Every structure is written in structure tokens, then in C-alpha cells.
Amino acid sequence: MMKPNVILTTSSLVTIFLVTFHLADDIARQMEPGNLSNLVVVVLVVTLWLYGTLMLPGRRSGYVIMILG
């Protein structure tokens, strides 16, 4: 049986992966502007989300970051 932390980390990583591709598809289809400010915001959010998922597993701050993501 898998541990709950492993399931949460795996599902969070899959979600990050799918959200990144969804946003890239929106930019490719010109539904979202592909400007530099949009890119900076996306990189910061994904970096924070990955940090909470991979570096803070099992901690309250990691859970908060994953839930907000």
C-alpha cells in the first residue's frame, strides 16, 4: 500500500506537468498572450509549486503550497 505522502507528491507533480502543458497550449492557440511578463509569473508559480512539492513534503508549509496550487 502506498503512503499518503507519496500519492500526494505524485499527483501534485502530474498536476504541475498537465497545467504547464495546458498553459503552453493556450499560448500556442493565442488564447493567452505569450509575453515576457506572463512567462515570468508562470515560472515563479511553477517554481514555488515544485519547491513545496519536492522540498517540503510532510510539512505544513508544503501542504499549504500544494493545496493552493
C-alpha atoms as a PDB file:
ATOM      1  CA  MET A   1       0.000   0.000   0.000  1.00  0.00           C
ATOM      2  CA  MET A   2       1.317   3.433  -0.916  1.00  0.00           C
ATOM      3  CA  LYS A   3       1.889   6.100   1.704  1.00  0.00           C
ATOM      4  CA  PRO A   4      -0.379   9.171   1.551  1.00  0.00           C
ATOM      5  CA  ASN A   5       2.650  11.470   1.120  1.00  0.00           C
ATOM      6  CA  VAL A   6       3.795   9.534  -1.963  1.00  0.00           C
ATOM      7  CA  ILE A   7       0.339   9.744  -3.504  1.00  0.00           C
ATOM      8  CA  LEU A   8       0.100  13.479  -2.769  1.00  0.00           C
ATOM      9  CA  THR A   9       3.561  14.171  -4.212  1.00  0.00           C
ATOM     10  CA  THR A  10       2.893  12.107  -7.332  1.00  0.00           C
ATOM     11  CA  SER A  11      -0.479  13.675  -8.004  1.00  0.00           C
ATOM     12  CA  SER A  12       0.943  17.151  -7.442  1.00  0.00           C
ATOM     13  CA  LEU A  13       3.786  16.524  -9.907  1.00  0.00           C
ATOM     14  CA  VAL A  14       1.351  15.190 -12.517  1.00  0.00           C
ATOM     15  CA  THR A  15      -0.850  18.243 -11.989  1.00  0.00           C
ATOM     16  CA  ILE A  16       2.112  20.605 -12.430  1.00  0.00           C
ATOM     17  CA  PHE A  17       3.032  18.800 -15.638  1.00  0.00           C
ATOM     18  CA  LEU A  18      -0.512  18.996 -17.036  1.00  0.00           C
ATOM     19  CA  VAL A  19      -1.028  22.643 -16.045  1.00  0.00           C
ATOM     20  CA  THR A  20       2.228  23.589 -17.764  1.00  0.00           C
ATOM     21  CA  PHE A  21       1.148  21.894 -20.989  1.00  0.00           C
ATOM     22  CA  HIS A  22      -2.323  23.430 -20.736  1.00  0.00           C
ATOM     23  CA  LEU A  23      -0.866  26.926 -20.477  1.00  0.00           C
ATOM     24  CA  ALA A  24       1.558  26.251 -23.333  1.00  0.00           C
ATOM     25  CA  ASP A  25      -1.388  25.118 -25.469  1.00  0.00           C
ATOM     26  CA  ASP A  26      -3.319  28.279 -24.593  1.00  0.00           C
ATOM     27  CA  ILE A  27      -0.355  30.411 -25.661  1.00  0.00           C
ATOM     28  CA  ALA A  28       0.140  28.403 -28.869  1.00  0.00           C
ATOM     29  CA  ARG A  29      -3.538  28.846 -29.795  1.00  0.00           C
ATOM     30  CA  GLN A  30      -3.291  32.565 -28.918  1.00  0.00           C
ATOM     31  CA  MET A  31      -5.897  32.394 -26.161  1.00  0.00           C
ATOM     32  CA  GLU A  32      -3.335  33.833 -23.724  1.00  0.00           C
ATOM     33  CA  PRO A  33      -0.718  36.446 -24.554  1.00  0.00           C
ATOM     34  CA  GLY A  34       2.746  34.961 -24.768  1.00  0.00           C
ATOM     35  CA  ASN A  35       4.592  37.996 -23.467  1.00  0.00           C
ATOM     36  CA  LEU A  36       7.524  38.159 -21.072  1.00  0.00           C
ATOM     37  CA  SER A  37       5.519  39.206 -18.003  1.00  0.00           C
ATOM     38  CA  ASN A  38       3.247  36.190 -18.425  1.00  0.00           C
ATOM     39  CA  LEU A  39       6.286  33.917 -18.669  1.00  0.00           C
ATOM     40  CA  VAL A  40       7.879  35.353 -15.524  1.00  0.00           C
ATOM     41  CA  VAL A  41       4.695  34.833 -13.493  1.00  0.00           C
ATOM     42  CA  VAL A  42       4.288  31.259 -14.727  1.00  0.00           C
ATOM     43  CA  VAL A  43       7.913  30.367 -13.980  1.00  0.00           C
ATOM     44  CA  LEU A  44       7.664  31.818 -10.458  1.00  0.00           C
ATOM     45  CA  VAL A  45       4.415  29.993  -9.684  1.00  0.00           C
ATOM     46  CA  VAL A  46       5.647  26.657 -11.054  1.00  0.00           C
ATOM     47  CA  THR A  47       8.957  27.037  -9.195  1.00  0.00           C
ATOM     48  CA  LEU A  48       7.186  27.724  -5.902  1.00  0.00           C
ATOM     49  CA  TRP A  49       4.793  24.835  -6.509  1.00  0.00           C
ATOM     50  CA  LEU A  50       7.675  22.452  -7.278  1.00  0.00           C
ATOM     51  CA  TYR A  51       9.570  23.647  -4.206  1.00  0.00           C
ATOM     52  CA  GLY A  52       6.569  22.977  -1.997  1.00  0.00           C
ATOM     53  CA  THR A  53       6.063  19.565  -3.549  1.00  0.00           C
ATOM     54  CA  LEU A  54       9.649  18.298  -3.616  1.00  0.00           C
ATOM     55  CA  MET A  55      11.469  20.146  -0.841  1.00  0.00           C
ATOM     56  CA  LEU A  56       8.744  20.461   1.807  1.00  0.00           C
ATOM     57  CA  PRO A  57       6.886  17.137   1.771  1.00  0.00           C
ATOM     58  CA  GLY A  58       5.133  16.342   5.041  1.00  0.00           C
ATOM     59  CA  ARG A  59       5.473  19.877   6.402  1.00  0.00           C
ATOM     60  CA  ARG A  60       2.592  22.248   6.927  1.00  0.00           C
ATOM     61  CA  SER A  61       4.032  24.852   4.546  1.00  0.00           C
ATOM     62  CA  GLY A  62       4.442  22.199   1.840  1.00  0.00           C
ATOM     63  CA  TYR A  63       0.825  21.128   2.264  1.00  0.00           C
ATOM     64  CA  VAL A  64      -0.366  24.736   2.025  1.00  0.00           C
ATOM     65  CA  ILE A  65       1.612  25.329  -1.171  1.00  0.00           C
ATOM     66  CA  MET A  66       0.303  22.115  -2.744  1.00  0.00           C
ATOM     67  CA  ILE A  67      -3.305  22.893  -1.790  1.00  0.00           C
ATOM     68  CA  LEU A  68      -3.075  26.441  -3.159  1.00  0.00           C
ATOM     69  CA  GLY A  69      -1.551  25.062  -6.348  1.00  0.00           C
END
